[in-house]
Amino acid sequence: IGERADGITKRQWRTLSRMSAHFLDVLQGLPTLKLF
């Protein structure tokens, strides 16, 4: 079972990292997004 758990855990961690990065990028770029 661990062989399958390894793959999906890595995908979940990468998704969390991308979500955190995208959310902060949106907050930092919110004035520019509002402007356009």
Full PDB file with SEQRES, HELIX, SHEET, SSBOND, CRYST1, ORIGX, SCALE, CONECT and MASTER records, all heavy atoms in Angstrom:
SEQRES   1 A   36  ILE GLY GLU ARG ALA ASP GLY ILE THR LYS ARG GLN TRP          
SEQRES   2 A   36  ARG THR LEU SER ARG MET SER ALA HIS PHE LEU ASP VAL          
SEQRES   3 A   36  LEU GLN GLY LEU PRO THR LEU LYS LEU PHE                      
HELIX    1 AA1 GLY A    2  GLN A   28  1                                  27    
HELIX    2 AA2 LEU A   30  LEU A   35  1                                   6    
CRYST1    1.000    1.000    1.000  90.00  90.00  90.00 P 1           1          
ORIGX1      1.000000  0.000000  0.000000        0.00000                         
ORIGX2      0.000000  1.000000  0.000000        0.00000                         
ORIGX3      0.000000  0.000000  1.000000        0.00000                         
SCALE1      1.000000  0.000000  0.000000        0.00000                         
SCALE2      0.000000  1.000000  0.000000        0.00000                         
SCALE3      0.000000  0.000000  1.000000        0.00000                         
ATOM      1  N   ILE A   1       0.837  -1.201   0.000  1.00  0.00           N  
ATOM      2  CA  ILE A   1       0.000   0.000   0.000  1.00  0.00           C  
ATOM      3  C   ILE A   1       0.873   1.252   0.000  1.00  0.00           C  
ATOM      4  O   ILE A   1       0.506   2.283  -0.567  1.00  0.00           O  
ATOM      5  CB  ILE A   1      -0.935  -0.013   1.226  1.00  0.00           C  
ATOM      6  CG1 ILE A   1      -1.855  -1.229   1.155  1.00  0.00           C  
ATOM      7  CG2 ILE A   1      -1.759   1.261   1.311  1.00  0.00           C  
ATOM      8  CD1 ILE A   1      -2.748  -1.406   2.363  1.00  0.00           C  
ATOM      9  N   GLY A   2       2.047   1.158   0.624  1.00  0.00           N  
ATOM     10  CA  GLY A   2       2.927   2.323   0.703  1.00  0.00           C  
ATOM     11  C   GLY A   2       3.427   2.797  -0.647  1.00  0.00           C  
ATOM     12  O   GLY A   2       3.703   3.990  -0.833  1.00  0.00           O  
ATOM     13  N   GLU A   3       3.573   1.888  -1.597  1.00  0.00           N  
ATOM     14  CA  GLU A   3       4.019   2.296  -2.927  1.00  0.00           C  
ATOM     15  C   GLU A   3       3.032   3.277  -3.557  1.00  0.00           C  
ATOM     16  O   GLU A   3       3.418   4.241  -4.212  1.00  0.00           O  
ATOM     17  CB  GLU A   3       4.164   1.055  -3.817  1.00  0.00           C  
ATOM     18  CG  GLU A   3       5.309   0.136  -3.415  1.00  0.00           C  
ATOM     19  CD  GLU A   3       6.661   0.798  -3.562  1.00  0.00           C  
ATOM     20  OE1 GLU A   3       6.815   1.656  -4.457  1.00  0.00           O  
ATOM     21  OE2 GLU A   3       7.567   0.471  -2.777  1.00  0.00           O  
ATOM     22  N   ARG A   4       1.750   3.026  -3.347  1.00  0.00           N  
ATOM     23  CA  ARG A   4       0.734   3.946  -3.867  1.00  0.00           C  
ATOM     24  C   ARG A   4       0.676   5.218  -3.027  1.00  0.00           C  
ATOM     25  O   ARG A   4       0.508   6.316  -3.556  1.00  0.00           O  
ATOM     26  CB  ARG A   4      -0.642   3.268  -3.887  1.00  0.00           C  
ATOM     27  CG  ARG A   4      -1.760   4.201  -4.330  1.00  0.00           C  
ATOM     28  CD  ARG A   4      -3.051   3.460  -4.563  1.00  0.00           C  
ATOM     29  NE  ARG A   4      -4.147   4.376  -4.877  1.00  0.00           N  
ATOM     30  CZ  ARG A   4      -4.334   4.952  -6.042  1.00  0.00           C  
ATOM     31  NH1 ARG A   4      -3.486   4.722  -7.033  1.00  0.00           N  
ATOM     32  NH2 ARG A   4      -5.352   5.768  -6.234  1.00  0.00           N  
ATOM     33  N   ALA A   5       0.817   5.073  -1.713  1.00  0.00           N  
ATOM     34  CA  ALA A   5       0.771   6.250  -0.831  1.00  0.00           C  
ATOM     35  C   ALA A   5       1.896   7.218  -1.134  1.00  0.00           C  
ATOM     36  O   ALA A   5       1.720   8.445  -1.033  1.00  0.00           O  
ATOM     37  CB  ALA A   5       0.852   5.793   0.625  1.00  0.00           C  
ATOM     38  N   ASP A   6       3.048   6.705  -1.521  1.00  0.00           N  
ATOM     39  CA  ASP A   6       4.186   7.559  -1.844  1.00  0.00           C  
ATOM     40  C   ASP A   6       3.856   8.512  -2.986  1.00  0.00           C  
ATOM     41  O   ASP A   6       4.062   9.736  -2.891  1.00  0.00           O  
ATOM     42  CB  ASP A   6       5.386   6.675  -2.206  1.00  0.00           C  
ATOM     43  CG  ASP A   6       6.616   7.502  -2.558  1.00  0.00           C  
ATOM     44  OD1 ASP A   6       6.701   8.647  -2.088  1.00  0.00           O  
ATOM     45  OD2 ASP A   6       7.471   6.994  -3.308  1.00  0.00           O  
ATOM     46  N   GLY A   7       3.312   7.973  -4.068  1.00  0.00           N  
ATOM     47  CA  GLY A   7       3.022   8.805  -5.238  1.00  0.00           C  
ATOM     48  C   GLY A   7       1.974   9.862  -4.973  1.00  0.00           C  
ATOM     49  O   GLY A   7       2.158  11.037  -5.326  1.00  0.00           O  
ATOM     50  N   ILE A   8       0.873   9.490  -4.337  1.00  0.00           N  
ATOM     51  CA  ILE A   8      -0.199  10.469  -4.133  1.00  0.00           C  
ATOM     52  C   ILE A   8       0.191  11.493  -3.066  1.00  0.00           C  
ATOM     53  O   ILE A   8      -0.264  12.641  -3.117  1.00  0.00           O  
ATOM     54  CB  ILE A   8      -1.525   9.776  -3.762  1.00  0.00           C  
ATOM     55  CG1 ILE A   8      -1.411   9.018  -2.442  1.00  0.00           C  
ATOM     56  CG2 ILE A   8      -1.955   8.828  -4.848  1.00  0.00           C  
ATOM     57  CD1 ILE A   8      -2.715   8.443  -1.975  1.00  0.00           C  
ATOM     58  N   THR A   9       1.024  11.121  -2.099  1.00  0.00           N  
ATOM     59  CA  THR A   9       1.475  12.096  -1.101  1.00  0.00           C  
ATOM     60  C   THR A   9       2.378  13.137  -1.735  1.00  0.00           C  
ATOM     61  O   THR A   9       2.280  14.332  -1.420  1.00  0.00           O  
ATOM     62  CB  THR A   9       2.206  11.385   0.049  1.00  0.00           C  
ATOM     63  OG1 THR A   9       1.338  10.419   0.644  1.00  0.00           O  
ATOM     64  CG2 THR A   9       2.634  12.376   1.109  1.00  0.00           C  
ATOM     65  N   LYS A  10       3.258  12.712  -2.629  1.00  0.00           N  
ATOM     66  CA  LYS A  10       4.117  13.677  -3.324  1.00  0.00           C  
ATOM     67  C   LYS A  10       3.286  14.620  -4.191  1.00  0.00           C  
ATOM     68  O   LYS A  10       3.556  15.829  -4.243  1.00  0.00           O  
ATOM     69  CB  LYS A  10       5.139  12.930  -4.182  1.00  0.00           C  
ATOM     70  CG  LYS A  10       6.243  12.252  -3.380  1.00  0.00           C  
ATOM     71  CD  LYS A  10       7.239  11.564  -4.285  1.00  0.00           C  
ATOM     72  CE  LYS A  10       8.360  10.941  -3.474  1.00  0.00           C  
ATOM     73  NZ  LYS A  10       9.350  10.231  -4.327  1.00  0.00           N  
ATOM     74  N   ARG A  11       2.271  14.085  -4.874  1.00  0.00           N  
ATOM     75  CA  ARG A  11       1.416  14.950  -5.692  1.00  0.00           C  
ATOM     76  C   ARG A  11       0.644  15.934  -4.821  1.00  0.00           C  
ATOM     77  O   ARG A  11       0.472  17.102  -5.194  1.00  0.00           O  
ATOM     78  CB  ARG A  11       0.458  14.092  -6.524  1.00  0.00           C  
ATOM     79  CG  ARG A  11       1.128  13.329  -7.657  1.00  0.00           C  
ATOM     80  CD  ARG A  11       0.108  12.825  -8.664  1.00  0.00           C  
ATOM     81  NE  ARG A  11      -0.800  11.852  -8.059  1.00  0.00           N  
ATOM     82  CZ  ARG A  11      -0.558  10.546  -8.037  1.00  0.00           C  
ATOM     83  NH1 ARG A  11       0.561  10.054  -8.556  1.00  0.00           N  
ATOM     84  NH2 ARG A  11      -1.435   9.712  -7.491  1.00  0.00           N  
ATOM     85  N   GLN A  12       0.180  15.455  -3.671  1.00  0.00           N  
ATOM     86  CA  GLN A  12      -0.555  16.355  -2.777  1.00  0.00           C  
ATOM     87  C   GLN A  12       0.345  17.466  -2.256  1.00  0.00           C  
ATOM     88  O   GLN A  12      -0.062  18.622  -2.141  1.00  0.00           O  
ATOM     89  CB  GLN A  12      -1.131  15.555  -1.608  1.00  0.00           C  
ATOM     90  CG  GLN A  12      -2.078  16.362  -0.726  1.00  0.00           C  
ATOM     91  CD  GLN A  12      -1.672  16.326   0.730  1.00  0.00           C  
ATOM     92  OE1 GLN A  12      -0.559  15.927   1.055  1.00  0.00           O  
ATOM     93  NE2 GLN A  12      -2.550  16.761   1.600  1.00  0.00           N  
ATOM     94  N   TRP A  13       1.586  17.147  -1.926  1.00  0.00           N  
ATOM     95  CA  TRP A  13       2.519  18.160  -1.418  1.00  0.00           C  
ATOM     96  C   TRP A  13       2.850  19.178  -2.506  1.00  0.00           C  
ATOM     97  O   TRP A  13       2.907  20.384  -2.236  1.00  0.00           O  
ATOM     98  CB  TRP A  13       3.789  17.480  -0.909  1.00  0.00           C  
ATOM     99  CG  TRP A  13       4.816  18.468  -0.430  1.00  0.00           C  
ATOM    100  CD1 TRP A  13       5.951  18.860  -1.071  1.00  0.00           C  
ATOM    101  CD2 TRP A  13       4.766  19.204   0.786  1.00  0.00           C  
ATOM    102  NE1 TRP A  13       6.616  19.793  -0.339  1.00  0.00           N  
ATOM    103  CE2 TRP A  13       5.921  20.023   0.813  1.00  0.00           C  
ATOM    104  CE3 TRP A  13       3.872  19.247   1.850  1.00  0.00           C  
ATOM    105  CZ2 TRP A  13       6.199  20.878   1.879  1.00  0.00           C  
ATOM    106  CZ3 TRP A  13       4.155  20.102   2.903  1.00  0.00           C  
ATOM    107  CH2 TRP A  13       5.302  20.902   2.912  1.00  0.00           C  
ATOM    108  N   ARG A  14       3.052  18.710  -3.730  1.00  0.00           N  
ATOM    109  CA  ARG A  14       3.327  19.649  -4.820  1.00  0.00           C  
ATOM    110  C   ARG A  14       2.117  20.555  -5.064  1.00  0.00           C  
ATOM    111  O   ARG A  14       2.278  21.754  -5.332  1.00  0.00           O  
ATOM    112  CB  ARG A  14       3.688  18.877  -6.095  1.00  0.00           C  
ATOM    113  CG  ARG A  14       5.068  18.238  -6.073  1.00  0.00           C  
ATOM    114  CD  ARG A  14       5.488  17.814  -7.475  1.00  0.00           C  
ATOM    115  NE  ARG A  14       4.608  16.791  -8.005  1.00  0.00           N  
ATOM    116  CZ  ARG A  14       4.851  15.487  -7.910  1.00  0.00           C  
ATOM    117  NH1 ARG A  14       5.943  15.059  -7.278  1.00  0.00           N  
ATOM    118  NH2 ARG A  14       4.016  14.602  -8.416  1.00  0.00           N  
ATOM    119  N   THR A  15       0.919  20.007  -4.977  1.00  0.00           N  
ATOM    120  CA  THR A  15      -0.286  20.817  -5.160  1.00  0.00           C  
ATOM    121  C   THR A  15      -0.399  21.874  -4.071  1.00  0.00           C  
ATOM    122  O   THR A  15      -0.751  23.030  -4.340  1.00  0.00           O  
ATOM    123  CB  THR A  15      -1.536  19.922  -5.147  1.00  0.00           C  
ATOM    124  OG1 THR A  15      -1.410  18.927  -6.164  1.00  0.00           O  
ATOM    125  CG2 THR A  15      -2.789  20.737  -5.409  1.00  0.00           C  
ATOM    126  N   LEU A  16      -0.105  21.500  -2.826  1.00  0.00           N  
ATOM    127  CA  LEU A  16      -0.146  22.460  -1.732  1.00  0.00           C  
ATOM    128  C   LEU A  16       0.877  23.567  -1.939  1.00  0.00           C  
ATOM    129  O   LEU A  16       0.583  24.757  -1.707  1.00  0.00           O  
ATOM    130  CB  LEU A  16       0.115  21.742  -0.405  1.00  0.00           C  
ATOM    131  CG  LEU A  16       0.205  22.630   0.847  1.00  0.00           C  
ATOM    132  CD1 LEU A  16      -1.098  23.388   1.065  1.00  0.00           C  
ATOM    133  CD2 LEU A  16       0.562  21.803   2.077  1.00  0.00           C  
ATOM    134  N   SER A  17       2.075  23.215  -2.382  1.00  0.00           N  
ATOM    135  CA  SER A  17       3.102  24.226  -2.625  1.00  0.00           C  
ATOM    136  C   SER A  17       2.686  25.182  -3.736  1.00  0.00           C  
ATOM    137  O   SER A  17       2.858  26.398  -3.625  1.00  0.00           O  
ATOM    138  CB  SER A  17       4.428  23.535  -2.985  1.00  0.00           C  
ATOM    139  OG  SER A  17       4.883  22.725  -1.920  1.00  0.00           O  
ATOM    140  N   ARG A  18       2.130  24.622  -4.825  1.00  0.00           N  
ATOM    141  CA  ARG A  18       1.685  25.486  -5.920  1.00  0.00           C  
ATOM    142  C   ARG A  18       0.533  26.388  -5.482  1.00  0.00           C  
ATOM    143  O   ARG A  18       0.473  27.565  -5.867  1.00  0.00           O  
ATOM    144  CB  ARG A  18       1.255  24.624  -7.121  1.00  0.00           C  
ATOM    145  CG  ARG A  18       2.414  24.008  -7.880  1.00  0.00           C  
ATOM    146  CD  ARG A  18       1.968  23.545  -9.254  1.00  0.00           C  
ATOM    147  NE  ARG A  18       0.941  22.520  -9.161  1.00  0.00           N  
ATOM    148  CZ  ARG A  18       1.185  21.214  -9.157  1.00  0.00           C  
ATOM    149  NH1 ARG A  18       2.433  20.787  -9.249  1.00  0.00           N  
ATOM    150  NH2 ARG A  18       0.195  20.336  -9.076  1.00  0.00           N  
ATOM    151  N   MET A  19      -0.383  25.850  -4.687  1.00  0.00           N  
ATOM    152  CA  MET A  19      -1.507  26.649  -4.223  1.00  0.00           C  
ATOM    153  C   MET A  19      -1.025  27.792  -3.335  1.00  0.00           C  
ATOM    154  O   MET A  19      -1.485  28.933  -3.464  1.00  0.00           O  
ATOM    155  CB  MET A  19      -2.495  25.774  -3.448  1.00  0.00           C  
ATOM    156  CG  MET A  19      -3.744  26.509  -2.993  1.00  0.00           C  
ATOM    157  SD  MET A  19      -4.930  25.436  -2.147  1.00  0.00           S  
ATOM    158  CE  MET A  19      -4.015  25.099  -0.636  1.00  0.00           C  
ATOM    159  N   SER A  20      -0.084  27.504  -2.425  1.00  0.00           N  
ATOM    160  CA  SER A  20       0.460  28.549  -1.560  1.00  0.00           C  
ATOM    161  C   SER A  20       1.170  29.621  -2.373  1.00  0.00           C  
ATOM    162  O   SER A  20       1.000  30.818  -2.126  1.00  0.00           O  
ATOM    163  CB  SER A  20       1.427  27.929  -0.538  1.00  0.00           C  
ATOM    164  OG  SER A  20       0.787  26.940   0.235  1.00  0.00           O  
ATOM    165  N   ALA A  21       1.965  29.171  -3.341  1.00  0.00           N  
ATOM    166  CA  ALA A  21       2.692  30.129  -4.173  1.00  0.00           C  
ATOM    167  C   ALA A  21       1.744  30.991  -4.990  1.00  0.00           C  
ATOM    168  O   ALA A  21       1.909  32.217  -5.082  1.00  0.00           O  
ATOM    169  CB  ALA A  21       3.659  29.379  -5.089  1.00  0.00           C  
ATOM    170  N   HIS A  22       0.728  30.378  -5.605  1.00  0.00           N  
ATOM    171  CA  HIS A  22      -0.206  31.132  -6.445  1.00  0.00           C  
ATOM    172  C   HIS A  22      -1.011  32.124  -5.613  1.00  0.00           C  
ATOM    173  O   HIS A  22      -1.228  33.271  -6.030  1.00  0.00           O  
ATOM    174  CB  HIS A  22      -1.147  30.168  -7.163  1.00  0.00           C  
ATOM    175  CG  HIS A  22      -2.127  30.861  -8.063  1.00  0.00           C  
ATOM    176  ND1 HIS A  22      -1.764  31.373  -9.286  1.00  0.00           N  
ATOM    177  CD2 HIS A  22      -3.439  31.149  -7.901  1.00  0.00           C  
ATOM    178  CE1 HIS A  22      -2.826  31.938  -9.850  1.00  0.00           C  
ATOM    179  NE2 HIS A  22      -3.859  31.814  -9.018  1.00  0.00           N  
ATOM    180  N   PHE A  23      -1.448  31.697  -4.427  1.00  0.00           N  
ATOM    181  CA  PHE A  23      -2.262  32.576  -3.592  1.00  0.00           C  
ATOM    182  C   PHE A  23      -1.466  33.807  -3.170  1.00  0.00           C  
ATOM    183  O   PHE A  23      -1.979  34.932  -3.197  1.00  0.00           O  
ATOM    184  CB  PHE A  23      -2.750  31.814  -2.359  1.00  0.00           C  
ATOM    185  CG  PHE A  23      -3.699  32.590  -1.509  1.00  0.00           C  
ATOM    186  CD1 PHE A  23      -4.980  32.884  -1.950  1.00  0.00           C  
ATOM    187  CD2 PHE A  23      -3.319  33.037  -0.248  1.00  0.00           C  
ATOM    188  CE1 PHE A  23      -5.869  33.610  -1.170  1.00  0.00           C  
ATOM    189  CE2 PHE A  23      -4.199  33.754   0.540  1.00  0.00           C  
ATOM    190  CZ  PHE A  23      -5.471  34.040   0.081  1.00  0.00           C  
ATOM    191  N   LEU A  24      -0.208  33.618  -2.785  1.00  0.00           N  
ATOM    192  CA  LEU A  24       0.617  34.759  -2.388  1.00  0.00           C  
ATOM    193  C   LEU A  24       0.915  35.658  -3.586  1.00  0.00           C  
ATOM    194  O   LEU A  24       0.925  36.891  -3.462  1.00  0.00           O  
ATOM    195  CB  LEU A  24       1.916  34.275  -1.750  1.00  0.00           C  
ATOM    196  CG  LEU A  24       2.825  35.380  -1.190  1.00  0.00           C  
ATOM    197  CD1 LEU A  24       2.095  36.207  -0.142  1.00  0.00           C  
ATOM    198  CD2 LEU A  24       4.097  34.780  -0.597  1.00  0.00           C  
ATOM    199  N   ASP A  25       1.149  35.049  -4.740  1.00  0.00           N  
ATOM    200  CA  ASP A  25       1.381  35.847  -5.944  1.00  0.00           C  
ATOM    201  C   ASP A  25       0.175  36.722  -6.263  1.00  0.00           C  
ATOM    202  O   ASP A  25       0.313  37.887  -6.657  1.00  0.00           O  
ATOM    203  CB  ASP A  25       1.688  34.931  -7.134  1.00  0.00           C  
ATOM    204  CG  ASP A  25       3.057  34.285  -7.023  1.00  0.00           C  
ATOM    205  OD1 ASP A  25       3.862  34.761  -6.199  1.00  0.00           O  
ATOM    206  OD2 ASP A  25       3.303  33.301  -7.742  1.00  0.00           O  
ATOM    207  N   VAL A  26      -1.023  36.167  -6.093  1.00  0.00           N  
ATOM    208  CA  VAL A  26      -2.240  36.943  -6.354  1.00  0.00           C  
ATOM    209  C   VAL A  26      -2.360  38.096  -5.370  1.00  0.00           C  
ATOM    210  O   VAL A  26      -2.704  39.227  -5.753  1.00  0.00           O  
ATOM    211  CB  VAL A  26      -3.474  36.023  -6.276  1.00  0.00           C  
ATOM    212  CG1 VAL A  26      -4.764  36.850  -6.301  1.00  0.00           C  
ATOM    213  CG2 VAL A  26      -3.474  35.036  -7.431  1.00  0.00           C  
ATOM    214  N   LEU A  27      -2.061  37.842  -4.096  1.00  0.00           N  
ATOM    215  CA  LEU A  27      -2.133  38.914  -3.103  1.00  0.00           C  
ATOM    216  C   LEU A  27      -1.124  40.016  -3.396  1.00  0.00           C  
ATOM    217  O   LEU A  27      -1.436  41.209  -3.299  1.00  0.00           O  
ATOM    218  CB  LEU A  27      -1.885  38.345  -1.700  1.00  0.00           C  
ATOM    219  CG  LEU A  27      -2.983  37.469  -1.102  1.00  0.00           C  
ATOM    220  CD1 LEU A  27      -2.593  36.978   0.287  1.00  0.00           C  
ATOM    221  CD2 LEU A  27      -4.300  38.230  -1.016  1.00  0.00           C  
ATOM    222  N   GLN A  28       0.091  39.617  -3.772  1.00  0.00           N  
ATOM    223  CA  GLN A  28       1.114  40.617  -4.058  1.00  0.00           C  
ATOM    224  C   GLN A  28       0.800  41.403  -5.329  1.00  0.00           C  
ATOM    225  O   GLN A  28       1.146  42.577  -5.437  1.00  0.00           O  
ATOM    226  CB  GLN A  28       2.486  39.938  -4.180  1.00  0.00           C  
ATOM    227  CG  GLN A  28       3.005  39.380  -2.857  1.00  0.00           C  
ATOM    228  CD  GLN A  28       4.303  38.603  -3.028  1.00  0.00           C  
ATOM    229  OE1 GLN A  28       4.609  38.112  -4.120  1.00  0.00           O  
ATOM    230  NE2 GLN A  28       5.073  38.494  -1.959  1.00  0.00           N  
ATOM    231  N   GLY A  29       0.147  40.754  -6.281  1.00  0.00           N  
ATOM    232  CA  GLY A  29      -0.166  41.430  -7.539  1.00  0.00           C  
ATOM    233  C   GLY A  29      -1.566  41.980  -7.616  1.00  0.00           C  
ATOM    234  O   GLY A  29      -2.030  42.361  -8.700  1.00  0.00           O  
ATOM    235  N   LEU A  30      -2.270  42.023  -6.460  1.00  0.00           N  
ATOM    236  CA  LEU A  30      -3.657  42.470  -6.459  1.00  0.00           C  
ATOM    237  C   LEU A  30      -3.827  43.909  -6.963  1.00  0.00           C  
ATOM    238  O   LEU A  30      -4.778  44.185  -7.719  1.00  0.00           O  
ATOM    239  CB  LEU A  30      -4.244  42.322  -5.053  1.00  0.00           C  
ATOM    240  CG  LEU A  30      -5.773  42.394  -4.944  1.00  0.00           C  
ATOM    241  CD1 LEU A  30      -6.420  41.336  -5.839  1.00  0.00           C  
ATOM    242  CD2 LEU A  30      -6.213  42.205  -3.496  1.00  0.00           C  
ATOM    243  N   PRO A  31      -2.956  44.853  -6.591  1.00  0.00           N  
ATOM    244  CA  PRO A  31      -3.120  46.208  -7.144  1.00  0.00           C  
ATOM    245  C   PRO A  31      -3.052  46.232  -8.678  1.00  0.00           C  
ATOM    246  O   PRO A  31      -3.844  46.920  -9.331  1.00  0.00           O  
ATOM    247  CB  PRO A  31      -1.952  46.992  -6.519  1.00  0.00           C  
ATOM    248  CG  PRO A  31      -1.665  46.259  -5.247  1.00  0.00           C  
ATOM    249  CD  PRO A  31      -1.895  44.823  -5.557  1.00  0.00           C  
ATOM    250  N   THR A  32      -2.122  45.461  -9.246  1.00  0.00           N  
ATOM    251  CA  THR A  32      -2.009  45.415 -10.706  1.00  0.00           C  
ATOM    252  C   THR A  32      -3.236  44.763 -11.338  1.00  0.00           C  
ATOM    253  O   THR A  32      -3.746  45.223 -12.369  1.00  0.00           O  
ATOM    254  CB  THR A  32      -0.741  44.638 -11.108  1.00  0.00           C  
ATOM    255  OG1 THR A  32       0.394  45.241 -10.481  1.00  0.00           O  
ATOM    256  CG2 THR A  32      -0.551  44.653 -12.610  1.00  0.00           C  
ATOM    257  N   LEU A  33      -3.719  43.668 -10.707  1.00  0.00           N  
ATOM    258  CA  LEU A  33      -4.916  43.001 -11.219  1.00  0.00           C  
ATOM    259  C   LEU A  33      -6.121  43.934 -11.151  1.00  0.00           C  
ATOM    260  O   LEU A  33      -6.958  43.960 -12.068  1.00  0.00           O  
ATOM    261  CB  LEU A  33      -5.190  41.729 -10.423  1.00  0.00           C  
ATOM    262  CG  LEU A  33      -4.166  40.590 -10.577  1.00  0.00           C  
ATOM    263  CD1 LEU A  33      -4.446  39.472  -9.580  1.00  0.00           C  
ATOM    264  CD2 LEU A  33      -4.191  40.038 -11.995  1.00  0.00           C  
ATOM    265  N   LYS A  34      -6.240  44.696 -10.074  1.00  0.00           N  
ATOM    266  CA  LYS A  34      -7.328  45.669  -9.959  1.00  0.00           C  
ATOM    267  C   LYS A  34      -7.231  46.735 -11.034  1.00  0.00           C  
ATOM    268  O   LYS A  34      -8.229  47.158 -11.629  1.00  0.00           O  
ATOM    269  CB  LYS A  34      -7.285  46.322  -8.576  1.00  0.00           C  
ATOM    270  CG  LYS A  34      -7.921  45.508  -7.463  1.00  0.00           C  
ATOM    271  CD  LYS A  34      -9.442  45.596  -7.549  1.00  0.00           C  
ATOM    272  CE  LYS A  34     -10.099  44.946  -6.347  1.00  0.00           C  
ATOM    273  NZ  LYS A  34     -11.577  44.990  -6.451  1.00  0.00           N  
ATOM    274  N   LEU A  35      -6.003  47.164 -11.288  1.00  0.00           N  
ATOM    275  CA  LEU A  35      -5.784  48.225 -12.268  1.00  0.00           C  
ATOM    276  C   LEU A  35      -6.252  47.798 -13.655  1.00  0.00           C  
ATOM    277  O   LEU A  35      -6.826  48.594 -14.405  1.00  0.00           O  
ATOM    278  CB  LEU A  35      -4.291  48.596 -12.292  1.00  0.00           C  
ATOM    279  CG  LEU A  35      -3.889  49.755 -13.198  1.00  0.00           C  
ATOM    280  CD1 LEU A  35      -4.557  51.052 -12.737  1.00  0.00           C  
ATOM    281  CD2 LEU A  35      -2.381  49.904 -13.216  1.00  0.00           C  
ATOM    282  N   PHE A  36      -6.024  46.537 -14.003  1.00  0.00           N  
ATOM    283  CA  PHE A  36      -6.410  46.044 -15.324  1.00  0.00           C  
ATOM    284  C   PHE A  36      -7.743  45.295 -15.310  1.00  0.00           C  
ATOM    285  O   PHE A  36      -8.109  44.675 -16.315  1.00  0.00           O  
ATOM    286  CB  PHE A  36      -5.315  45.115 -15.871  1.00  0.00           C  
ATOM    287  CG  PHE A  36      -4.065  45.845 -16.262  1.00  0.00           C  
ATOM    288  CD1 PHE A  36      -2.990  45.929 -15.397  1.00  0.00           C  
ATOM    289  CD2 PHE A  36      -3.971  46.469 -17.498  1.00  0.00           C  
ATOM    290  CE1 PHE A  36      -1.834  46.603 -15.746  1.00  0.00           C  
ATOM    291  CE2 PHE A  36      -2.812  47.143 -17.860  1.00  0.00           C  
ATOM    292  CZ  PHE A  36      -1.742  47.222 -16.990  1.00  0.00           C  
TER     293      PHE A  36                                                      
MASTER        0    0    0    2    0    0    0    6  292    1    0    3          
END                                                                             
